[in-house]
Amino acid sequence: MRRGAQNRPKFAAASLSASLSKRLGKPGRAGGVPAPGMLRRRSFLLKCCPAVAVIAAALALAPTGAAQAPATPTPGAPGFVGMVSQDTFAGGKAYRVKQLKAMRAAGVTLIRQVFDWASIEIHRGTYSFSAYDPVVAAAAHDGIQIMPILFDPPSYLSARPRGSHKGGTYPPKNLASIAAFARAAALWYGPNGGFWKANPTVPPLPITIWQIWNEPNLSIYWLPKSNAAQYVSMLKSADQAILAVDPQAEIVSAGMPLSTLPGIPLFSYLREMLNAGAASWMNTLGVNPYAPKASGLISLLQKVRAVLNADGGSQVAIRATEFGWSDNGPGGPYKVTPAGQATQITQVIRDLATDSQSLDLRGFVYFGWRDARPYAGRTDFWGLHTGLLTLSGKPKPALAAFSAAANAL
């Protein structure tokens, strides 16, 4: 395979008004997920720093194909214990600093965060990461890595039919168009990236783990219907673009759940991915292994490991990129009591650590740090009550359980 010369992406902290209306990690009010269309941000155009041009000029000389898989972290190593924290991204500076320090004290060393393509690519080929810079900087000060989810193209790149207002996410109409976005993000936040050069007082903690999309086996996130071969084509483009900038980066597939929602069942989708060559374009498989109990979660990951080993993915590691239990709110298969939430969290962290070698597990991400309000126009559901903190910010028994188990690794 050969990689052609790439155009240099343009960076800006641009003036725009953009709604960040995705399910994970949008800016907005502290203590809850912002309602779609409610957040607007403003910033100013900046010139790309010279270092970005230097890195981009080397793209044509970069190696091709998937990088050698990074060594699997041992439990307790940086990046093994992860968290989704929408409220930290949504909050102001003082709130963000406070929550990051609290998460670090609880053993968290990685945050999984949506990087909303539609709001970052403000014009064709021009990218603004201004909404993300403060979070990356604050996390770096506490030694917490960011694992971006590259997700949701702008309207002019999306496969969404013109005039369609159907809810959900469409892939890009040209699946390879994610490459420019992925490359721009890696050039800005990766090793020797423009962000670190522009912010020399921030402790350098480059982003080296990248997740490509979220739950594409559910049609709601790959409209009009799920297609594993299409997803692998997009994954390949993102993989090649990121590795051209950082050959040692870890490429994580989209997190995929075992779900009864319309789409392709998890194990069928995984086999279709592997048949389409996905193992060549990722280091790590993302799984969102929600289960009623910790034991079921471990069993699900063991089945995923078995499929990988049997169908050409034996060298692919696993990350459990999203799971949780609610202690309040409407009922659901993952709702337990406050004491039950603490018990399941304790058990699952211990079991994931115990089975990390047999699963080839690089880490896990709990969903999430704090409870959230219902989305605009939507009703309450169990998934808004999985936090370690209540909506008002009061610690639940689950926080002490998580902290004890994570810090014991």
Protein backbone atom coordinates (compact mmCIF):
# COMPACT_ATOMS: atom_id res chain seq x y z
CA MET A 1 0.00 0.00 0.00
CA ARG A 2 1.21 3.48 -0.76
CA ARG A 3 0.22 6.75 0.82
CA GLY A 4 -0.07 9.81 -1.42
CA ALA A 5 0.85 13.34 -0.44
CA GLN A 6 -1.81 15.00 1.70
CA ASN A 7 -2.98 18.59 1.79
CA ARG A 8 -2.05 20.47 4.93
CA PRO A 9 -5.06 20.96 7.21
CA LYS A 10 -5.83 24.45 8.41
CA PHE A 11 -6.41 25.08 12.10
CA ALA A 12 -8.52 27.81 13.64
CA ALA A 13 -10.19 28.69 16.89
CA ALA A 14 -12.85 30.04 14.59
CA SER A 15 -15.87 32.23 15.06
CA LEU A 16 -18.91 30.00 14.88
CA SER A 17 -22.20 29.08 16.46
CA ALA A 18 -22.58 25.33 16.53
CA SER A 19 -24.89 22.95 18.30
CA LEU A 20 -23.20 19.94 19.82
CA SER A 21 -26.11 17.60 20.16
CA LYS A 22 -24.61 14.12 20.36
CA ARG A 23 -25.20 11.67 23.15
CA LEU A 24 -21.66 11.69 24.52
CA GLY A 25 -19.50 14.58 25.63
CA LYS A 26 -20.98 17.87 24.49
CA PRO A 27 -20.19 21.27 25.97
CA GLY A 28 -23.01 22.72 28.01
CA ARG A 29 -24.11 23.17 31.60
CA ALA A 30 -22.35 21.44 34.46
CA GLY A 31 -24.35 18.65 35.97
CA GLY A 32 -26.16 17.54 32.86
CA VAL A 33 -26.05 16.82 29.16
CA PRO A 34 -26.90 19.96 27.18
CA ALA A 35 -30.06 20.05 25.17
CA PRO A 36 -29.54 19.82 21.40
CA GLY A 37 -29.29 23.25 19.87
CA MET A 38 -28.80 25.06 23.19
CA LEU A 39 -25.05 25.49 23.30
CA ARG A 40 -23.32 28.15 21.26
CA ARG A 41 -19.66 29.09 21.48
CA ARG A 42 -17.58 31.91 20.07
CA SER A 43 -13.88 32.20 19.39
CA PHE A 44 -11.41 33.86 17.02
CA LEU A 45 -9.40 32.78 14.00
CA LEU A 46 -5.83 31.76 14.64
CA LYS A 47 -3.07 30.94 12.22
CA CYS A 48 -1.75 27.40 12.14
CA CYS A 49 1.54 27.19 14.00
CA PRO A 50 4.65 26.42 11.85
CA ALA A 51 5.14 23.07 13.58
CA VAL A 52 1.94 21.75 12.02
CA ALA A 53 3.25 22.45 8.53
CA VAL A 54 6.47 20.60 9.34
CA ILE A 55 4.59 17.53 10.49
CA ALA A 56 2.20 17.61 7.54
CA ALA A 57 5.07 17.83 5.08
CA ALA A 58 6.34 14.47 6.33
CA LEU A 59 3.06 12.67 5.65
CA ALA A 60 4.07 11.26 2.27
CA LEU A 61 7.10 9.63 3.84
CA ALA A 62 5.20 8.04 6.72
CA PRO A 63 4.83 4.26 6.99
CA THR A 64 1.67 2.58 5.81
CA GLY A 65 -0.56 -0.09 7.28
CA ALA A 66 -1.46 -0.70 10.89
CA ALA A 67 1.23 0.03 13.44
CA GLN A 68 2.71 -2.58 15.69
CA ALA A 69 0.19 -2.95 18.49
CA PRO A 70 1.22 -1.11 21.64
CA ALA A 71 1.96 -3.33 24.60
CA THR A 72 -1.12 -4.19 26.60
CA PRO A 73 -1.17 -2.09 29.77
CA THR A 74 -1.24 -3.91 33.05
CA PRO A 75 -4.02 -3.02 35.48
CA GLY A 76 -3.08 0.19 37.23
CA ALA A 77 -0.95 1.46 34.33
CA PRO A 78 -1.83 4.87 32.84
CA GLY A 79 -4.82 4.69 30.56
CA PHE A 80 -6.25 1.48 32.01
CA VAL A 81 -8.97 3.07 34.18
CA GLY A 82 -11.25 5.30 32.12
CA MET A 83 -14.32 7.47 32.59
CA VAL A 84 -16.94 9.26 30.51
CA SER A 85 -17.47 12.69 32.02
CA GLN A 86 -19.80 14.83 29.95
CA ASP A 87 -20.22 17.28 32.80
CA THR A 88 -16.48 17.99 32.97
CA PHE A 89 -16.42 18.99 29.31
CA ALA A 90 -19.62 20.96 29.79
CA GLY A 91 -18.57 22.89 32.88
CA GLY A 92 -16.55 26.03 33.38
CA LYS A 93 -12.88 26.18 34.25
CA ALA A 94 -13.21 25.96 38.05
CA TYR A 95 -15.68 23.09 37.82
CA ARG A 96 -13.53 21.26 35.28
CA VAL A 97 -10.40 21.52 37.43
CA LYS A 98 -12.27 20.30 40.51
CA GLN A 99 -13.79 17.29 38.76
CA LEU A 100 -10.56 16.23 37.08
CA LYS A 101 -8.72 16.28 40.39
CA ALA A 102 -11.52 14.25 41.97
CA MET A 103 -11.40 11.73 39.13
CA ARG A 104 -7.65 11.43 39.38
CA ALA A 105 -7.97 10.80 43.10
CA ALA A 106 -10.51 8.07 42.27
CA GLY A 107 -7.94 6.31 40.08
CA VAL A 108 -9.07 7.58 36.66
CA THR A 109 -6.25 7.96 34.14
CA LEU A 110 -8.23 8.23 30.88
CA ILE A 111 -11.29 10.14 29.70
CA ARG A 112 -13.28 9.01 26.69
CA GLN A 113 -14.55 12.08 24.89
CA VAL A 114 -16.46 12.66 21.66
CA PHE A 115 -14.64 14.93 19.22
CA ASP A 116 -17.61 16.22 17.26
CA TRP A 117 -16.48 16.41 13.64
CA ALA A 118 -19.43 18.57 12.63
CA SER A 119 -18.41 21.34 15.04
CA ILE A 120 -14.64 21.01 14.57
CA GLU A 121 -14.50 21.26 10.77
CA ILE A 122 -15.85 24.79 10.60
CA HIS A 123 -15.16 25.12 6.87
CA ARG A 124 -13.95 22.57 4.36
CA GLY A 125 -10.43 21.70 5.42
CA THR A 126 -10.36 24.20 8.31
CA TYR A 127 -10.52 22.86 11.85
CA SER A 128 -11.18 24.50 15.19
CA PHE A 129 -10.36 22.56 18.37
CA SER A 130 -10.96 25.57 20.60
CA ALA A 131 -13.78 23.88 22.53
CA TYR A 132 -11.50 20.94 23.30
CA ASP A 133 -8.20 22.68 24.08
CA PRO A 134 -9.16 23.64 27.66
CA VAL A 135 -10.21 20.08 28.48
CA VAL A 136 -7.06 18.56 27.00
CA ALA A 137 -4.91 21.07 28.88
CA ALA A 138 -6.68 20.60 32.21
CA ALA A 139 -6.55 16.80 31.91
CA ALA A 140 -2.84 16.92 31.11
CA HIS A 141 -2.19 18.90 34.30
CA ASP A 142 -3.66 15.96 36.24
CA GLY A 143 -1.95 13.26 34.18
CA ILE A 144 -5.20 12.08 32.61
CA GLN A 145 -5.12 10.92 28.98
CA ILE A 146 -7.88 11.76 26.50
CA MET A 147 -9.25 9.08 24.17
CA PRO A 148 -11.21 10.95 21.48
CA ILE A 149 -14.15 9.42 19.65
CA LEU A 150 -14.03 10.74 16.08
CA PHE A 151 -17.71 11.03 15.23
CA ASP A 152 -20.41 12.68 13.07
CA PRO A 153 -19.40 14.57 9.91
CA PRO A 154 -20.53 18.10 9.02
CA SER A 155 -23.60 18.32 6.81
CA TYR A 156 -21.66 18.92 3.59
CA LEU A 157 -19.75 15.66 4.10
CA SER A 158 -22.58 13.60 5.55
CA ALA A 159 -24.58 10.94 3.75
CA ARG A 160 -27.73 12.37 5.32
CA PRO A 161 -30.22 13.07 2.50
CA ARG A 162 -30.80 16.74 1.85
CA GLY A 163 -33.75 18.00 3.86
CA SER A 164 -33.84 14.97 6.15
CA HIS A 165 -34.51 15.69 9.80
CA LYS A 166 -34.47 12.09 10.94
CA GLY A 167 -32.74 11.68 14.27
CA GLY A 168 -29.52 9.74 14.46
CA THR A 169 -26.11 9.85 12.80
CA TYR A 170 -25.14 9.22 9.18
CA PRO A 171 -21.63 8.26 8.11
CA PRO A 172 -19.74 10.47 5.67
CA LYS A 173 -20.93 10.00 2.09
CA ASN A 174 -17.30 9.54 1.09
CA LEU A 175 -16.02 7.18 3.78
CA ALA A 176 -12.42 8.23 3.14
CA SER A 177 -13.21 11.84 4.04
CA ILE A 178 -12.66 11.05 7.72
CA ALA A 179 -8.93 10.86 6.95
CA ALA A 180 -8.46 14.63 6.78
CA PHE A 181 -10.29 15.12 10.08
CA ALA A 182 -8.35 12.34 11.79
CA ARG A 183 -5.06 13.68 10.46
CA ALA A 184 -5.87 17.21 11.63
CA ALA A 185 -6.68 15.97 15.14
CA ALA A 186 -3.48 13.95 15.35
CA LEU A 187 -1.40 16.85 14.05
CA TRP A 188 -2.86 19.11 16.72
CA TYR A 189 -2.88 16.82 19.77
CA GLY A 190 -0.51 13.97 18.91
CA PRO A 191 3.21 13.73 19.72
CA ASN A 192 4.96 17.00 18.79
CA GLY A 193 1.51 18.36 17.91
CA GLY A 194 0.67 21.98 17.36
CA PHE A 195 -1.30 22.22 20.60
CA TRP A 196 1.68 21.30 22.76
CA LYS A 197 3.95 23.72 20.92
CA ALA A 198 1.39 26.51 21.25
CA ASN A 199 0.94 25.80 24.98
CA PRO A 200 4.40 25.20 26.44
CA THR A 201 3.19 25.60 30.04
CA VAL A 202 0.89 22.58 29.68
CA PRO A 203 2.60 19.30 30.69
CA PRO A 204 2.91 17.40 27.40
CA LEU A 205 0.54 14.44 27.40
CA PRO A 206 -0.10 13.79 23.69
CA ILE A 207 -3.20 11.97 22.57
CA THR A 208 -2.09 8.57 21.34
CA ILE A 209 -5.32 6.52 21.62
CA TRP A 210 -8.04 7.23 19.04
CA GLN A 211 -11.48 5.65 18.83
CA ILE A 212 -13.19 5.72 15.46
CA TRP A 213 -16.97 6.27 15.70
CA ASN A 214 -19.49 4.93 18.20
CA GLU A 215 -21.82 1.92 18.05
CA PRO A 216 -22.10 1.57 14.25
CA ASN A 217 -23.70 -1.85 14.64
CA LEU A 218 -26.81 0.11 15.74
CA SER A 219 -28.52 1.68 12.75
CA ILE A 220 -29.26 4.87 14.70
CA TYR A 221 -25.52 5.61 14.53
CA TRP A 222 -25.01 4.44 10.93
CA LEU A 223 -28.10 5.47 9.04
CA PRO A 224 -29.93 4.36 7.04
CA LYS A 225 -28.75 0.94 8.23
CA SER A 226 -25.65 -0.66 9.72
CA ASN A 227 -23.02 -1.98 7.34
CA ALA A 228 -19.83 -3.54 8.71
CA ALA A 229 -17.90 -3.43 5.43
CA GLN A 230 -18.60 0.28 5.07
CA TYR A 231 -17.45 0.89 8.62
CA VAL A 232 -14.20 -1.00 8.00
CA SER A 233 -13.55 1.13 4.92
CA MET A 234 -13.87 4.25 7.05
CA LEU A 235 -11.78 2.71 9.84
CA LYS A 236 -9.00 2.01 7.34
CA SER A 237 -8.94 5.64 6.18
CA ALA A 238 -8.77 6.95 9.75
CA ASP A 239 -6.10 4.42 10.71
CA GLN A 240 -3.83 5.33 7.81
CA ALA A 241 -4.23 9.05 8.41
CA ILE A 242 -3.42 8.89 12.13
CA LEU A 243 -0.52 6.49 11.73
CA ALA A 244 1.00 8.79 9.11
CA VAL A 245 1.35 11.33 11.93
CA ASP A 246 1.99 8.96 14.84
CA PRO A 247 3.06 5.44 13.79
CA GLN A 248 2.80 4.25 17.40
CA ALA A 249 -0.78 5.41 17.95
CA GLU A 250 -3.38 2.97 19.21
CA ILE A 251 -6.40 2.79 16.91
CA VAL A 252 -9.54 1.59 18.69
CA SER A 253 -12.61 0.53 16.76
CA ALA A 254 -15.98 1.97 17.62
CA GLY A 255 -17.41 0.66 20.85
CA MET A 256 -20.15 -1.83 20.00
CA PRO A 257 -22.92 -3.02 22.33
CA LEU A 258 -24.94 -6.18 22.63
CA SER A 259 -28.32 -4.57 21.96
CA THR A 260 -31.81 -5.37 20.74
CA LEU A 261 -32.11 -2.00 18.98
CA PRO A 262 -32.37 -2.11 15.15
CA GLY A 263 -29.06 -2.91 13.54
CA ILE A 264 -26.76 -5.91 13.26
CA PRO A 265 -26.23 -8.16 16.31
CA LEU A 266 -22.85 -7.68 17.94
CA PHE A 267 -21.27 -11.02 17.06
CA SER A 268 -22.57 -11.01 13.50
CA TYR A 269 -21.23 -7.49 13.04
CA LEU A 270 -17.87 -8.42 14.54
CA ARG A 271 -17.46 -11.38 12.20
CA GLU A 272 -18.43 -9.21 9.22
CA MET A 273 -15.83 -6.65 10.31
CA LEU A 274 -13.14 -9.29 10.52
CA ASN A 275 -14.13 -10.75 7.16
CA ALA A 276 -13.75 -7.25 5.71
CA GLY A 277 -10.18 -7.02 7.02
CA ALA A 278 -10.74 -4.92 10.15
CA ALA A 279 -7.87 -6.60 12.02
CA SER A 280 -5.43 -4.84 9.66
CA TRP A 281 -6.78 -1.41 10.54
CA MET A 282 -7.07 -1.40 14.32
CA ASN A 283 -4.93 -2.31 17.28
CA THR A 284 -7.88 -2.64 19.63
CA LEU A 285 -11.53 -3.61 19.42
CA GLY A 286 -13.92 -1.37 21.33
CA VAL A 287 -16.80 -3.13 23.07
CA ASN A 288 -19.57 -1.45 25.08
CA PRO A 289 -20.32 -4.51 27.23
CA TYR A 290 -23.38 -3.45 29.20
CA ALA A 291 -24.70 -6.37 31.23
CA PRO A 292 -27.06 -6.77 34.21
CA LYS A 293 -24.20 -8.02 36.38
CA ALA A 294 -20.42 -7.92 36.43
CA SER A 295 -20.26 -11.63 35.73
CA GLY A 296 -22.29 -11.17 32.54
CA LEU A 297 -20.01 -8.37 31.41
CA ILE A 298 -16.94 -10.57 31.80
CA SER A 299 -18.69 -13.44 30.02
CA LEU A 300 -19.52 -11.14 27.10
CA LEU A 301 -15.90 -10.02 26.76
CA GLN A 302 -14.74 -13.64 26.88
CA LYS A 303 -17.05 -14.45 23.96
CA VAL A 304 -15.70 -11.46 22.03
CA ARG A 305 -12.15 -12.65 22.70
CA ALA A 306 -13.06 -16.10 21.40
CA VAL A 307 -14.49 -14.68 18.16
CA LEU A 308 -11.40 -12.52 17.63
CA ASN A 309 -9.12 -15.51 18.15
CA ALA A 310 -11.14 -17.72 15.84
CA ASP A 311 -11.67 -15.29 12.96
CA GLY A 312 -8.32 -13.64 12.33
CA GLY A 313 -8.22 -11.12 15.16
CA SER A 314 -5.97 -12.89 17.64
CA GLN A 315 -3.52 -9.95 17.63
CA VAL A 316 -6.29 -7.42 18.29
CA ALA A 317 -6.62 -6.29 21.90
CA ILE A 318 -9.87 -5.23 23.61
CA ARG A 319 -11.05 -2.13 25.43
CA ALA A 320 -14.34 -2.12 27.33
CA THR A 321 -15.17 1.41 26.22
CA GLU A 322 -18.53 1.99 27.90
CA PHE A 323 -20.59 0.28 30.60
CA GLY A 324 -22.39 1.15 33.81
CA TRP A 325 -25.25 0.52 36.20
CA SER A 326 -27.93 2.96 37.32
CA ASP A 327 -29.08 3.30 40.91
CA ASN A 328 -32.11 5.49 40.26
CA GLY A 329 -34.53 6.61 37.60
CA PRO A 330 -36.76 4.48 35.36
CA GLY A 331 -36.27 0.75 35.30
CA GLY A 332 -34.12 -1.13 32.83
CA PRO A 333 -31.90 -4.21 32.62
CA TYR A 334 -28.98 -2.30 34.15
CA LYS A 335 -30.80 -0.67 37.05
CA VAL A 336 -29.82 -1.78 40.55
CA THR A 337 -29.94 -0.27 44.03
CA PRO A 338 -27.33 2.24 45.28
CA ALA A 339 -25.67 -0.60 47.18
CA GLY A 340 -25.97 -2.84 44.15
CA GLN A 341 -24.31 -0.25 41.94
CA ALA A 342 -21.35 -0.11 44.33
CA THR A 343 -21.18 -3.91 44.47
CA GLN A 344 -21.22 -4.38 40.70
CA ILE A 345 -18.53 -1.73 40.19
CA THR A 346 -16.26 -3.28 42.79
CA GLN A 347 -16.70 -6.72 41.30
CA VAL A 348 -16.24 -5.73 37.67
CA ILE A 349 -13.03 -3.77 38.28
CA ARG A 350 -11.55 -6.69 40.17
CA ASP A 351 -12.63 -9.18 37.51
CA LEU A 352 -11.35 -7.05 34.63
CA ALA A 353 -7.99 -6.81 36.34
CA THR A 354 -7.88 -10.53 37.04
CA ASP A 355 -8.81 -11.44 33.46
CA SER A 356 -6.85 -8.66 31.72
CA GLN A 357 -4.18 -11.01 30.33
CA SER A 358 -6.55 -13.70 29.04
CA LEU A 359 -8.77 -11.05 27.46
CA ASP A 360 -5.80 -9.00 26.17
CA LEU A 361 -7.56 -6.05 27.77
CA ARG A 362 -6.04 -2.58 27.41
CA GLY A 363 -8.48 -0.91 29.76
CA PHE A 364 -12.05 -0.03 30.57
CA VAL A 365 -14.25 3.08 30.63
CA TYR A 366 -17.07 3.56 33.11
CA PHE A 367 -20.17 5.50 32.07
CA GLY A 368 -20.19 7.89 33.77
CA TRP A 369 -18.91 10.33 36.36
CA ARG A 370 -22.12 12.23 37.15
CA ASP A 371 -25.84 11.76 36.53
CA ALA A 372 -27.41 13.86 33.78
CA ARG A 373 -30.68 15.56 32.96
CA PRO A 374 -32.97 14.20 30.24
CA TYR A 375 -32.13 15.33 26.73
CA ALA A 376 -34.31 18.08 25.31
CA GLY A 377 -37.64 16.67 24.20
CA ARG A 378 -36.80 13.22 25.62
CA THR A 379 -37.99 11.36 28.68
CA ASP A 380 -35.87 10.17 31.56
CA PHE A 381 -34.23 6.74 31.30
CA TRP A 382 -31.89 4.55 33.32
CA GLY A 383 -28.76 5.61 31.39
CA LEU A 384 -28.92 9.10 32.90
CA HIS A 385 -28.45 7.66 36.40
CA THR A 386 -25.26 5.60 36.08
CA GLY A 387 -23.05 8.32 37.57
CA LEU A 388 -20.78 8.02 40.57
CA LEU A 389 -22.17 11.41 41.59
CA THR A 390 -25.81 12.46 41.78
CA LEU A 391 -27.18 15.21 39.58
CA SER A 392 -26.48 17.67 42.40
CA GLY A 393 -22.88 16.45 42.66
CA LYS A 394 -23.26 14.42 45.84
CA PRO A 395 -21.06 11.29 45.94
CA LYS A 396 -22.90 7.98 45.76
CA PRO A 397 -21.69 4.80 47.49
CA ALA A 398 -20.49 3.84 44.00
CA LEU A 399 -17.78 6.52 44.07
CA ALA A 400 -16.11 5.08 47.15
CA ALA A 401 -16.39 1.60 45.63
CA PHE A 402 -14.88 2.70 42.32
CA SER A 403 -12.06 4.60 44.00
CA ALA A 404 -11.13 1.74 46.30
CA ALA A 405 -11.14 -0.84 43.50
CA ALA A 406 -9.33 1.35 40.94
CA ASN A 407 -6.64 2.53 43.33
CA ALA A 408 -6.04 -1.04 44.46
CA LEU A 409 -4.96 -2.09 40.96
